Protein backbone atom coordinates (compact mmCIF):
# COMPACT_ATOMS: atom_id res chain seq x y z
CA MET A 1 68.29 8.72 -80.89
CA SER A 2 69.05 11.05 -77.96
CA ALA A 3 70.55 10.14 -74.62
CA THR A 4 67.15 10.28 -72.97
CA ASP A 5 65.13 8.43 -75.62
CA ARG A 6 66.83 5.05 -75.51
CA PRO A 7 64.73 1.96 -74.75
CA GLY A 8 64.72 1.06 -71.07
CA ARG A 9 65.38 4.62 -69.94
CA GLN A 10 62.83 6.18 -67.56
CA GLN A 11 61.47 9.42 -68.95
CA PRO A 12 61.50 12.43 -66.64
CA ASP A 13 58.11 13.92 -66.00
CA ALA A 14 57.69 17.66 -66.21
CA ALA A 15 55.51 17.55 -63.15
CA ALA A 16 58.17 15.88 -61.11
CA PRO A 17 61.61 17.38 -61.66
CA GLY A 18 64.33 14.86 -61.59
CA GLY A 19 62.47 11.68 -62.44
CA ASP A 20 59.31 9.68 -62.86
CA ALA A 21 56.29 11.21 -61.12
CA ALA A 22 55.22 7.72 -59.96
CA PHE A 23 58.43 7.19 -58.01
CA LYS A 24 59.40 9.15 -54.93
CA PRO A 25 62.89 8.66 -53.43
CA ARG A 26 62.68 7.42 -49.85
CA GLY A 27 65.22 7.74 -47.06
CA GLY A 28 67.09 10.85 -46.09
CA ALA A 29 69.93 11.63 -43.73
CA PHE A 30 69.70 8.35 -41.79
CA GLY A 31 70.10 6.09 -44.81
CA PHE A 32 72.55 8.46 -46.45
CA PHE A 33 74.80 8.18 -43.38
CA PHE A 34 75.24 4.44 -43.98
CA MET A 35 76.04 5.06 -47.64
CA VAL A 36 78.72 7.59 -46.69
CA LEU A 37 80.17 5.11 -44.20
CA GLY A 38 80.47 2.51 -46.93
CA MET A 39 82.07 5.01 -49.29
CA PHE A 40 84.55 5.99 -46.56
CA MET A 41 85.59 2.36 -46.16
CA ALA A 42 86.07 1.86 -49.90
CA ILE A 43 88.26 4.97 -50.32
CA LEU A 44 90.12 4.42 -47.05
CA ASP A 45 91.23 0.96 -48.16
CA ILE A 46 93.18 2.44 -51.07
CA GLN A 47 95.66 4.05 -48.69
CA ILE A 48 95.23 2.13 -45.43
CA VAL A 49 98.07 -0.20 -46.45
CA ALA A 50 100.38 2.66 -47.56
CA SER A 51 102.30 3.02 -44.30
CA SER A 52 102.20 -0.71 -43.46
CA LEU A 53 103.63 -2.32 -46.61
CA PRO A 54 106.87 -3.37 -44.82
CA GLN A 55 104.83 -5.28 -42.20
CA ILE A 56 102.69 -6.92 -44.90
CA GLN A 57 105.86 -7.80 -46.81
CA ALA A 58 107.26 -9.57 -43.77
CA GLY A 59 103.92 -11.22 -43.00
CA VAL A 60 103.58 -12.90 -46.41
CA SER A 61 107.32 -13.27 -47.04
CA THR A 62 107.61 -11.44 -50.35
CA SER A 63 109.77 -8.85 -52.09
CA VAL A 64 109.46 -5.05 -52.02
CA ASP A 65 108.34 -4.95 -55.67
CA ASP A 66 105.67 -7.62 -55.20
CA VAL A 67 104.16 -6.12 -52.04
CA THR A 68 103.35 -2.86 -53.84
CA TRP A 69 100.77 -4.84 -55.83
CA VAL A 70 98.70 -5.08 -52.65
CA GLN A 71 97.87 -1.43 -53.31
CA THR A 72 98.05 -1.49 -57.11
CA ALA A 73 95.68 -4.45 -57.54
CA TYR A 74 93.00 -2.67 -55.53
CA LEU A 75 93.38 0.53 -57.57
CA VAL A 76 93.32 -1.23 -60.95
CA ALA A 77 90.17 -3.17 -60.12
CA GLU A 78 88.41 -0.22 -58.49
CA VAL A 79 89.04 2.10 -61.41
CA VAL A 80 87.43 -0.46 -63.74
CA MET A 81 84.31 -0.79 -61.59
CA ILE A 82 83.69 2.92 -60.99
CA PRO A 83 82.52 3.79 -64.53
CA LEU A 84 80.40 0.62 -64.66
CA SER A 85 78.51 1.63 -61.52
CA GLY A 86 76.16 4.02 -63.34
CA TRP A 87 74.86 1.26 -65.61
CA LEU A 88 74.68 -1.24 -62.73
CA ALA A 89 72.70 1.27 -60.65
CA ARG A 90 70.09 1.38 -63.42
CA VAL A 91 69.97 -2.42 -63.65
CA MET A 92 69.84 -3.20 -59.91
CA SER A 93 68.73 0.16 -58.43
CA SER A 94 71.15 2.25 -56.39
CA ARG A 95 70.30 0.76 -53.00
CA TRP A 96 70.69 -2.89 -54.02
CA LEU A 97 73.89 -2.17 -55.94
CA PHE A 98 75.27 -0.43 -52.88
CA SER A 99 74.21 -3.26 -50.56
CA ALA A 100 75.76 -5.90 -52.83
CA SER A 101 78.93 -3.86 -53.15
CA ALA A 102 79.23 -3.46 -49.36
CA ALA A 103 78.60 -7.17 -48.77
CA GLY A 104 81.20 -8.20 -51.36
CA PHE A 105 83.67 -5.71 -49.93
CA THR A 106 83.19 -7.16 -46.44
CA ILE A 107 83.60 -10.78 -47.55
CA THR A 108 86.76 -10.04 -49.53
CA SER A 109 88.17 -8.08 -46.57
CA VAL A 110 88.03 -11.31 -44.54
CA MET A 111 89.65 -13.17 -47.43
CA CYS A 112 92.49 -10.62 -47.52
CA ALA A 113 93.11 -11.03 -43.79
CA PHE A 114 93.42 -14.81 -44.16
CA SER A 115 95.63 -14.75 -47.28
CA TRP A 116 98.28 -17.46 -47.20
CA ASP A 117 100.80 -15.86 -49.58
CA ILE A 118 101.36 -12.75 -51.68
CA ASN A 119 99.54 -14.15 -54.73
CA SER A 120 96.35 -14.89 -52.81
CA LEU A 121 96.49 -11.47 -51.14
CA ILE A 122 96.87 -9.67 -54.48
CA TRP A 123 93.94 -11.57 -55.99
CA PHE A 124 91.69 -10.94 -53.00
CA ARG A 125 92.64 -7.24 -53.00
CA ALA A 126 91.73 -7.00 -56.68
CA ILE A 127 88.31 -8.54 -56.02
CA GLN A 128 87.86 -6.27 -53.00
CA GLY A 129 88.61 -3.18 -55.07
CA PHE A 130 86.30 -4.27 -57.88
CA VAL A 131 83.22 -5.08 -55.80
CA GLY A 132 83.76 -2.16 -53.43
CA GLY A 133 84.35 0.38 -56.19
CA ALA A 134 80.63 0.73 -56.91
CA MET A 135 79.99 2.39 -53.54
CA ILE A 136 81.95 5.57 -54.33
CA PRO A 137 80.09 7.00 -57.37
CA THR A 138 76.73 5.72 -56.07
CA VAL A 139 77.02 8.03 -53.06
CA PHE A 140 77.96 11.03 -55.22
CA ALA A 141 74.90 10.40 -57.40
CA ALA A 142 72.65 9.87 -54.37
CA VAL A 143 73.15 13.47 -53.25
CA PHE A 144 71.49 14.78 -56.42
CA LYS A 145 68.80 12.08 -56.58
CA LEU A 146 67.78 11.81 -52.95
CA PHE A 147 67.80 15.34 -51.53
CA PRO A 148 65.78 18.39 -52.54
CA PRO A 149 67.81 21.32 -53.94
CA ASN A 150 67.87 23.21 -50.64
CA ARG A 151 69.60 20.28 -48.87
CA ARG A 152 72.01 19.17 -51.58
CA MET A 153 74.82 21.46 -50.50
CA LEU A 154 75.02 19.77 -47.09
CA GLY A 155 75.13 16.36 -48.79
CA THR A 156 77.84 17.59 -51.16
CA VAL A 157 79.94 18.83 -48.23
CA VAL A 158 79.64 15.47 -46.46
CA VAL A 159 80.54 13.50 -49.59
CA GLY A 160 83.38 15.87 -50.47
CA LEU A 161 84.75 15.66 -46.94
CA THR A 162 84.64 11.87 -47.07
CA ALA A 163 86.33 11.70 -50.49
CA THR A 164 89.20 13.93 -49.36
CA VAL A 165 89.67 12.88 -45.73
CA ALA A 166 89.59 9.12 -46.36
CA PRO A 167 92.80 9.00 -48.46
CA ALA A 168 94.58 11.25 -45.95
CA ALA A 169 93.35 9.21 -42.98
CA GLY A 170 94.37 5.90 -44.53
CA PRO A 171 98.07 5.95 -43.60
CA THR A 172 97.24 7.32 -40.13
CA LEU A 173 94.71 4.62 -39.30
CA GLY A 174 96.85 1.95 -40.94
CA GLY A 175 99.86 3.03 -38.89
CA TYR A 176 97.97 2.75 -35.60
CA ILE A 177 96.46 -0.63 -36.48
CA THR A 178 99.78 -2.12 -37.56
CA GLU A 179 101.63 -0.73 -34.54
CA PHE A 180 99.23 -2.02 -31.89
CA TYR A 181 97.74 -5.11 -33.57
CA SER A 182 98.87 -6.75 -36.83
CA TRP A 183 98.58 -6.17 -40.55
CA GLU A 184 95.62 -8.58 -40.83
CA TRP A 185 93.52 -6.08 -38.86
CA LEU A 186 93.91 -3.58 -41.70
CA PHE A 187 91.21 -5.67 -43.39
CA LEU A 188 89.31 -7.14 -40.43
CA VAL A 189 88.29 -3.66 -39.24
CA ASN A 190 85.98 -3.56 -42.27
CA VAL A 191 83.86 -6.51 -41.18
CA LEU A 192 81.48 -5.01 -38.60
CA PRO A 193 80.80 -1.68 -40.36
CA GLY A 194 80.57 -3.51 -43.69
CA LEU A 195 77.86 -5.84 -42.43
CA ILE A 196 75.93 -2.93 -40.91
CA VAL A 197 76.07 -0.97 -44.17
CA ALA A 198 75.07 -3.96 -46.33
CA ILE A 199 71.99 -4.59 -44.17
CA ALA A 200 70.96 -1.02 -43.33
CA VAL A 201 71.12 0.65 -46.76
CA PRO A 202 68.37 -1.32 -48.57
CA ILE A 203 66.15 -1.04 -45.47
CA ALA A 204 66.64 2.67 -44.82
CA ILE A 205 66.80 4.16 -48.30
CA ASP A 206 65.29 3.86 -51.77
CA ILE A 207 66.61 6.21 -54.44
CA ASP A 208 65.45 4.84 -57.78
CA GLU A 209 63.82 1.86 -59.46
CA ALA A 210 65.63 -1.09 -61.00
CA GLU A 211 65.56 -1.68 -64.75
CA PRO A 212 66.46 -5.40 -65.00
CA GLY A 213 65.40 -5.39 -68.65
CA LEU A 214 68.71 -3.68 -69.46
CA LEU A 215 70.47 -6.99 -68.80
CA ARG A 216 69.00 -8.33 -72.05
CA LYS A 217 70.83 -5.58 -73.92
CA VAL A 218 74.05 -5.54 -71.90
CA ASP A 219 76.99 -3.96 -73.71
CA LEU A 220 79.52 -6.72 -73.05
CA ILE A 221 81.93 -5.30 -75.61
CA GLY A 222 81.84 -1.94 -73.82
CA ILE A 223 82.58 -3.60 -70.47
CA VAL A 224 85.56 -5.46 -71.95
CA LEU A 225 86.86 -2.25 -73.52
CA ILE A 226 86.56 -0.38 -70.21
CA ALA A 227 88.62 -3.08 -68.50
CA GLY A 228 91.17 -3.01 -71.32
CA PHE A 229 91.47 0.75 -71.31
CA LEU A 230 91.45 1.64 -67.60
CA GLY A 231 92.96 -1.56 -66.24
CA SER A 232 95.88 -1.50 -68.67
CA LEU A 233 96.40 2.23 -68.17
CA GLU A 234 96.55 1.82 -64.39
CA PHE A 235 99.11 -0.98 -64.82
CA VAL A 236 101.26 1.15 -67.14
CA LEU A 237 101.16 4.14 -64.81
CA ASP A 238 102.02 2.09 -61.74
CA GLU A 239 104.75 -0.12 -63.21
CA GLY A 240 106.20 2.41 -65.67
CA PRO A 241 108.39 4.35 -63.22
CA ARG A 242 109.85 1.14 -61.78
CA ASN A 243 110.61 -0.48 -65.16
CA ASP A 244 111.91 2.42 -67.28
CA TRP A 245 108.60 2.84 -69.04
CA PHE A 246 108.65 1.68 -72.67
CA ASP A 247 112.00 -0.04 -72.33
CA ASP A 248 109.98 -2.81 -70.69
CA ARG A 249 108.15 -5.14 -73.10
CA TYR A 250 105.08 -5.60 -70.88
CA ILE A 251 104.67 -1.86 -70.34
CA THR A 252 104.67 -1.35 -74.10
CA ILE A 253 102.13 -4.14 -74.70
CA PHE A 254 99.71 -2.85 -72.06
CA ALA A 255 100.10 0.72 -73.30
CA ILE A 256 99.07 -0.41 -76.79
CA ILE A 257 96.11 -2.33 -75.34
CA SER A 258 95.05 0.73 -73.34
CA ALA A 259 95.28 3.13 -76.28
CA GLY A 260 93.48 0.78 -78.66
CA SER A 261 90.73 0.05 -76.12
CA ALA A 262 90.24 3.78 -75.49
CA VAL A 263 89.65 4.57 -79.15
CA ALA A 264 87.32 1.61 -79.60
CA LEU A 265 85.47 2.43 -76.36
CA VAL A 266 84.64 6.00 -77.40
CA TRP A 267 83.34 4.84 -80.78
CA ARG A 268 81.36 2.00 -79.20
CA GLU A 269 79.71 4.04 -76.45
CA LEU A 270 78.66 6.82 -78.81
CA THR A 271 77.01 4.44 -81.28
CA VAL A 272 75.54 1.54 -79.26
CA GLU A 273 71.87 1.71 -78.25
CA ASN A 274 72.39 1.06 -74.50
CA PRO A 275 75.92 2.19 -73.60
CA VAL A 276 77.65 1.30 -70.34
CA LEU A 277 79.23 4.78 -70.16
CA GLU A 278 77.24 7.99 -70.45
CA LEU A 279 79.71 9.89 -72.62
CA HIS A 280 76.89 12.28 -73.56
CA ALA A 281 77.47 13.90 -70.17
CA PHE A 282 80.55 15.56 -71.68
CA ARG A 283 78.26 17.75 -73.76
CA ASN A 284 77.73 19.66 -70.53
CA ARG A 285 80.54 22.23 -70.27
CA ASN A 286 80.52 22.30 -66.48
CA PHE A 287 80.81 18.54 -66.29
CA THR A 288 83.75 18.45 -68.71
CA VAL A 289 85.66 21.26 -67.00
CA GLY A 290 84.81 19.80 -63.59
CA CYS A 291 86.29 16.44 -64.59
CA ILE A 292 89.53 18.12 -65.70
CA LEU A 293 89.77 20.07 -62.44
CA THR A 294 89.05 17.02 -60.29
CA PHE A 295 91.80 15.20 -62.24
CA VAL A 296 94.23 17.88 -61.05
CA LEU A 297 92.87 17.60 -57.51
CA GLY A 298 93.50 13.85 -57.64
CA VAL A 299 97.17 14.52 -58.35
CA CYS A 300 97.50 16.39 -55.04
CA LEU A 301 95.10 14.26 -53.03
CA TYR A 302 96.90 11.00 -53.74
CA GLY A 303 100.30 12.53 -54.41
CA GLN A 304 100.70 14.11 -50.99
CA THR A 305 99.53 10.89 -49.33
CA PHE A 306 102.30 9.06 -51.18
CA ILE A 307 105.13 11.58 -50.85
CA LEU A 308 105.13 12.41 -47.14
CA PRO A 309 105.35 8.77 -45.95
CA GLN A 310 108.25 8.33 -48.40
CA VAL A 311 110.05 11.38 -47.02
CA LEU A 312 109.49 10.48 -43.39
CA SER A 313 110.44 6.81 -43.76
CA GLN A 314 113.43 7.29 -46.09
CA VAL A 315 114.92 10.46 -44.64
CA ARG A 316 113.82 10.34 -40.98
CA SER A 317 113.34 6.56 -40.57
CA TYR A 318 109.87 7.04 -39.07
CA ASN A 319 107.79 3.96 -38.35
CA SER A 320 104.21 3.56 -39.57
CA LEU A 321 102.73 5.03 -36.37
CA GLN A 322 104.90 8.15 -36.53
CA VAL A 323 104.05 8.62 -40.21
CA GLY A 324 100.36 8.31 -39.40
CA GLU A 325 100.58 10.97 -36.69
CA VAL A 326 102.12 13.44 -39.14
CA MET A 327 99.59 12.66 -41.86
CA PHE A 328 96.71 13.25 -39.44
CA VAL A 329 97.11 17.01 -39.83
CA THR A 330 95.81 17.10 -43.42
CA GLY A 331 92.69 15.14 -42.55
CA ALA A 332 92.02 17.29 -39.49
CA ALA A 333 92.34 20.48 -41.57
CA MET A 334 89.85 19.13 -44.12
CA PHE A 335 87.39 18.18 -41.39
CA LEU A 336 87.58 21.59 -39.70
CA THR A 337 87.25 23.44 -43.03
CA ALA A 338 84.20 21.45 -44.22
CA PRO A 339 81.53 23.58 -42.43
CA LEU A 340 83.11 26.77 -43.77
CA ALA A 341 83.26 25.34 -47.30
CA GLY A 342 79.58 24.43 -47.15
CA ARG A 343 78.52 27.84 -45.83
CA LEU A 344 80.60 29.71 -48.39
CA SER A 345 79.30 27.54 -51.24
CA ASN A 346 75.77 28.60 -50.35
CA SER A 347 76.56 32.30 -50.10
CA ILE A 348 79.10 33.10 -52.83
CA ASP A 349 79.77 32.18 -56.45
CA PRO A 350 81.25 28.64 -56.33
CA ARG A 351 83.68 29.61 -59.07
CA ALA A 352 85.20 32.25 -56.78
CA LEU A 353 85.50 29.71 -53.97
CA LEU A 354 87.11 27.21 -56.33
CA ALA A 355 89.57 29.82 -57.61
CA VAL A 356 90.62 30.62 -54.04
CA GLY A 357 90.82 26.92 -53.18
CA PHE A 358 93.16 26.13 -56.07
CA LEU A 359 95.52 28.94 -55.05
CA VAL A 360 95.44 27.82 -51.40
CA VAL A 361 96.34 24.26 -52.42
CA ALA A 362 99.18 25.61 -54.59
CA ALA A 363 100.45 27.61 -51.60
CA GLY A 364 100.28 24.53 -49.38
CA LEU A 365 102.30 22.54 -51.90
CA TYR A 366 104.84 25.35 -52.24
CA LEU A 367 105.37 25.43 -48.46
CA ASN A 368 106.79 21.90 -48.76
CA THR A 369 109.51 22.94 -51.20
CA GLN A 370 111.95 23.96 -48.45
CA MET A 371 112.19 20.68 -46.54
CA THR A 372 115.52 19.60 -45.06
CA SER A 373 116.86 16.25 -43.87
CA GLU A 374 115.79 17.25 -40.33
CA VAL A 375 112.14 17.75 -41.30
CA ALA A 376 109.70 16.82 -38.54
CA PHE A 377 106.06 17.20 -37.44
CA TRP A 378 106.02 20.96 -36.87
CA ASP A 379 108.01 21.67 -40.03
CA LEU A 380 105.21 20.00 -42.02
CA PHE A 381 102.28 21.25 -39.95
CA LEU A 382 101.56 24.55 -41.70
CA ALA A 383 101.91 23.15 -45.22
CA GLN A 384 99.53 20.27 -44.45
CA ALA A 385 96.99 22.52 -42.73
CA VAL A 386 96.96 24.98 -45.65
CA ARG A 387 96.78 22.21 -48.24
CA GLY A 388 94.01 20.34 -46.43
CA SER A 389 91.92 23.50 -46.10
CA GLY A 390 92.42 24.30 -49.78
CA LEU A 391 91.38 20.82 -50.90
CA MET A 392 88.14 21.11 -48.93
CA LEU A 393 87.41 24.50 -50.48
CA CYS A 394 87.82 22.87 -53.92
CA ILE A 395 85.93 19.59 -53.69
CA VAL A 396 82.52 21.05 -52.79
CA PRO A 397 82.20 23.58 -55.66
CA ILE A 398 83.76 21.14 -58.16
CA THR A 399 81.21 18.45 -57.29
CA THR A 400 78.34 20.93 -57.45
CA ALA A 401 79.48 22.40 -60.76
CA ALA A 402 80.19 19.05 -62.43
CA LEU A 403 77.20 16.98 -61.30
CA GLY A 404 74.75 19.67 -60.24
CA THR A 405 73.82 20.79 -63.76
CA LEU A 406 73.42 17.30 -65.26
CA PRO A 407 69.91 15.96 -65.96
CA THR A 408 68.99 13.42 -63.29
CA GLU A 409 69.04 10.53 -65.78
CA LEU A 410 72.74 11.24 -66.44
CA VAL A 411 73.81 11.74 -62.82
CA SER A 412 74.64 8.09 -62.03
CA GLY A 413 76.74 7.64 -65.16
CA GLY A 414 78.27 11.08 -64.78
CA SER A 415 79.19 10.37 -61.17
CA GLY A 416 81.13 7.30 -62.26
CA LEU A 417 83.08 9.24 -64.88
CA PHE A 418 83.69 12.11 -62.43
CA ASN A 419 85.22 9.73 -59.88
CA VAL A 420 87.29 7.99 -62.55
CA PHE A 421 88.90 11.32 -63.41
CA ARG A 422 89.84 11.90 -59.76
CA ASN A 423 91.32 8.42 -59.40
CA MET A 424 93.16 8.62 -62.72
CA GLY A 425 94.54 11.99 -61.66
CA GLY A 426 96.01 10.21 -58.68
CA ALA A 427 97.38 7.38 -60.83
CA VAL A 428 98.93 9.71 -63.42
CA GLY A 429 100.22 11.94 -60.63
CA LEU A 430 101.94 9.07 -58.83
CA ALA A 431 103.55 7.85 -62.04
CA MET A 432 104.85 11.31 -62.87
CA ILE A 433 105.97 11.87 -59.26
CA ASN A 434 108.07 8.71 -59.29
CA THR A 435 109.56 9.51 -62.69
CA VAL A 436 110.36 13.12 -61.83
CA TRP A 437 111.79 12.19 -58.44
CA ASP A 438 114.08 9.60 -59.99
CA GLY A 439 115.49 12.09 -62.50
CA ARG A 440 115.85 14.92 -59.98
CA TYR A 441 117.48 12.62 -57.44
CA ASP A 442 120.20 11.64 -59.91
CA ARG A 443 120.73 15.26 -60.87
CA HIS A 444 121.03 16.49 -57.28
CA TYR A 445 123.21 13.57 -56.19
CA TRP A 446 125.83 14.08 -58.89
CA TRP A 447 125.70 17.84 -58.42
CA LEU A 448 126.52 17.34 -54.71
CA VAL A 449 129.26 14.84 -55.51
CA GLU A 450 130.83 17.23 -58.00
CA SER A 451 130.75 20.04 -55.45
CA LEU A 452 132.74 17.98 -52.93
CA PRO A 453 136.07 17.08 -54.59
CA ASP A 454 139.00 15.73 -52.63
CA THR A 455 140.36 19.28 -52.27
CA ASN A 456 137.21 20.51 -50.50
CA ARG A 457 138.36 21.42 -47.00
CA ILE A 458 135.07 20.68 -45.21
CA ALA A 459 134.62 17.29 -46.84
CA THR A 460 138.26 16.35 -46.25
CA GLU A 461 138.09 17.34 -42.57
CA GLN A 462 134.90 15.35 -42.05
CA ILE A 463 136.37 12.25 -43.69
CA ASP A 464 139.56 12.59 -41.61
CA LYS A 465 137.56 12.87 -38.36
CA LEU A 466 135.44 9.86 -39.22
CA THR A 467 138.51 7.86 -40.25
CA THR A 468 140.14 8.60 -36.89
CA LEU A 469 136.94 7.63 -35.06
CA PHE A 470 136.54 4.37 -36.98
CA SER A 471 140.22 3.46 -36.50
CA ALA A 472 139.47 2.80 -32.83
CA ASN A 473 137.12 -0.04 -33.83
CA PRO A 474 138.96 -2.93 -35.54
CA ALA A 475 135.65 -4.60 -36.45
CA ILE A 476 134.89 -1.85 -38.98
CA GLY A 477 137.63 -2.89 -41.37
CA ASP A 478 139.03 -0.15 -43.58
CA PRO A 479 138.29 3.06 -41.57
CA SER A 480 138.91 5.34 -44.56
CA LEU A 481 136.42 3.46 -46.73
CA ALA A 482 133.85 3.43 -43.90
CA ALA A 483 134.23 7.21 -43.51
CA ILE A 484 133.67 7.76 -47.22
CA LYS A 485 130.51 5.57 -47.08
CA VAL A 486 129.10 7.74 -44.30
CA VAL A 487 129.65 10.91 -46.33
CA VAL A 488 128.13 9.33 -49.43
CA THR A 489 125.08 8.26 -47.39
CA LYS A 490 124.62 11.84 -46.21
CA LEU A 491 124.90 13.10 -49.78
CA ALA A 492 122.25 10.59 -50.89
CA GLN A 493 119.97 11.74 -48.07
CA GLN A 494 120.36 15.37 -49.12
CA ALA A 495 119.71 14.51 -52.77
CA ASN A 496 116.61 12.59 -51.70
CA ILE A 497 115.01 15.51 -49.87
CA MET A 498 116.00 17.99 -52.58
CA ALA A 499 114.30 15.82 -55.22
CA TRP A 500 111.08 15.69 -53.16
CA ASN A 501 111.21 19.49 -52.85
CA ASP A 502 111.32 19.71 -56.64
CA VAL A 503 108.31 17.38 -56.93
CA PHE A 504 106.26 19.57 -54.59
CA LEU A 505 107.19 22.62 -56.65
CA LEU A 506 106.02 20.99 -59.87
CA MET A 507 102.74 19.99 -58.23
CA ALA A 508 102.21 23.58 -57.09
CA LEU A 509 102.85 24.79 -60.65
CA ALA A 510 100.29 22.27 -61.97
CA PHE A 511 97.61 23.91 -59.81
CA VAL A 512 98.63 27.37 -60.96
CA VAL A 513 98.49 26.30 -64.62
CA ALA A 514 95.04 24.69 -64.14
CA TRP A 515 93.67 27.70 -62.22
CA PRO A 516 92.36 29.63 -65.29
CA LEU A 517 90.10 26.69 -66.18
CA VAL A 518 87.94 27.62 -63.22
CA PHE A 519 86.62 30.61 -65.14
CA LEU A 520 85.31 28.38 -67.94
CA LEU A 521 82.66 27.05 -65.57
CA ARG A 522 79.11 28.32 -65.83
CA LYS A 523 77.64 29.31 -62.48
CA PRO A 524 75.06 26.64 -61.51
CA ASP A 525 71.70 28.15 -60.63
CA HIS A 526 69.97 26.84 -57.52
CA GLY A 527 66.96 26.02 -59.65
CA ASP A 528 68.74 23.85 -62.15
CA VAL A 529 70.87 21.71 -59.88
CA ALA A 530 69.88 18.26 -60.97
CA ALA A 531 66.34 19.41 -61.46
CA HIS A 532 65.98 18.77 -65.19
């Protein structure tokens, strides 16, 4: 039985490319705007807490390790929902799934703001990520279901811009909110736009028809396996770097659960009559290659948003507002490059644009490999501007190539898988970043220590000067020991920035290594973009 012949599946009509001749999508730019707004909120909330975790930690009186779960819980739950969204869109219809997702996201945002301790906040964030996760792939699929071929490129540019700017804008917006209000407003800002989206979308837009009969044949085993695979994998990737990976018993257990669930999931979804995941989409070469490339993009997209706040807070002691102001550059570069990316995608081979974009991103990452302990806004400006422009040049042709050549009946499921690959790229990237940084930091620190023996004239003179200075203050205690601590602190700071430089270099190399994959893509014809 083929992917398009299963019971409950609407059959495309030759007279009406892209779907049933009896159903005409209704809406357009007005309704699509509200969908994009909802998607922006869902992606923004992944990173909006990134620069404000210290304030949240103080607000709920918890430890540094526990407060990181405010971000992790959201990611774990969201990554489980995203692949389920394609099946849910068929059951409920895209507009009602989106409305329900926006309403649930808004309610749980209020619950997060009124959390009474760290446990309640983590649980509410997990629910928020799960219910809100359906908005992201639904918008990607809407571009290819709602608009005619001659208008899809504009929709792709808008969606691509939103998907790339939102993670970069998260720390900036979060920094401003925390600085001028309080951490609770990180969640309360979602309420008004969330209510508007939940009400406006089902009124303004209608993309497809619901198939409630699919509920009678729900693949519960598949849903459980998705949660086991992706949820456990996200946990392993997030906690692994902090707990020495497989030296920790829980990391090992969840890794086994993830691997076992993955194998069982593939077998289940390829053999069951009504699968939750549309794995048949991987028969399309463009979709498969596009998923791999968007995985690599996710490494940079989420990696850079993680690294720069770490550098600026650890090395320069920037507060959340100052971090946000620096991070604004990447988002601004993406926004300014979006019109150019859309125009070029319409006029040149998208593979050529993607090839250029990957090299531009690699260059932007490489420009961050020469940071010093005095790094500031203007030292990071060029690298962020180049990287942001490159990311925008990549996301539009990748989305078009991956989803644009899928039959319409596979677009919703394919969109979910496509977004999972981007998010998992970010998760794997962050895990590898933390692991690599830890190893490189140790290496650089001991290399610096070994290069400054007691006989080193510069080090000895600096310690002597500091000892003399501290001797004038009896409250310091042992002035010689205090002087040595100052020097050691400076060495640690230098090792810190050198390790981050190494991480940026490895990320740049990852883009160079992935670059040849671009040429495996088949050029999508304007006539076959989701018009099967």
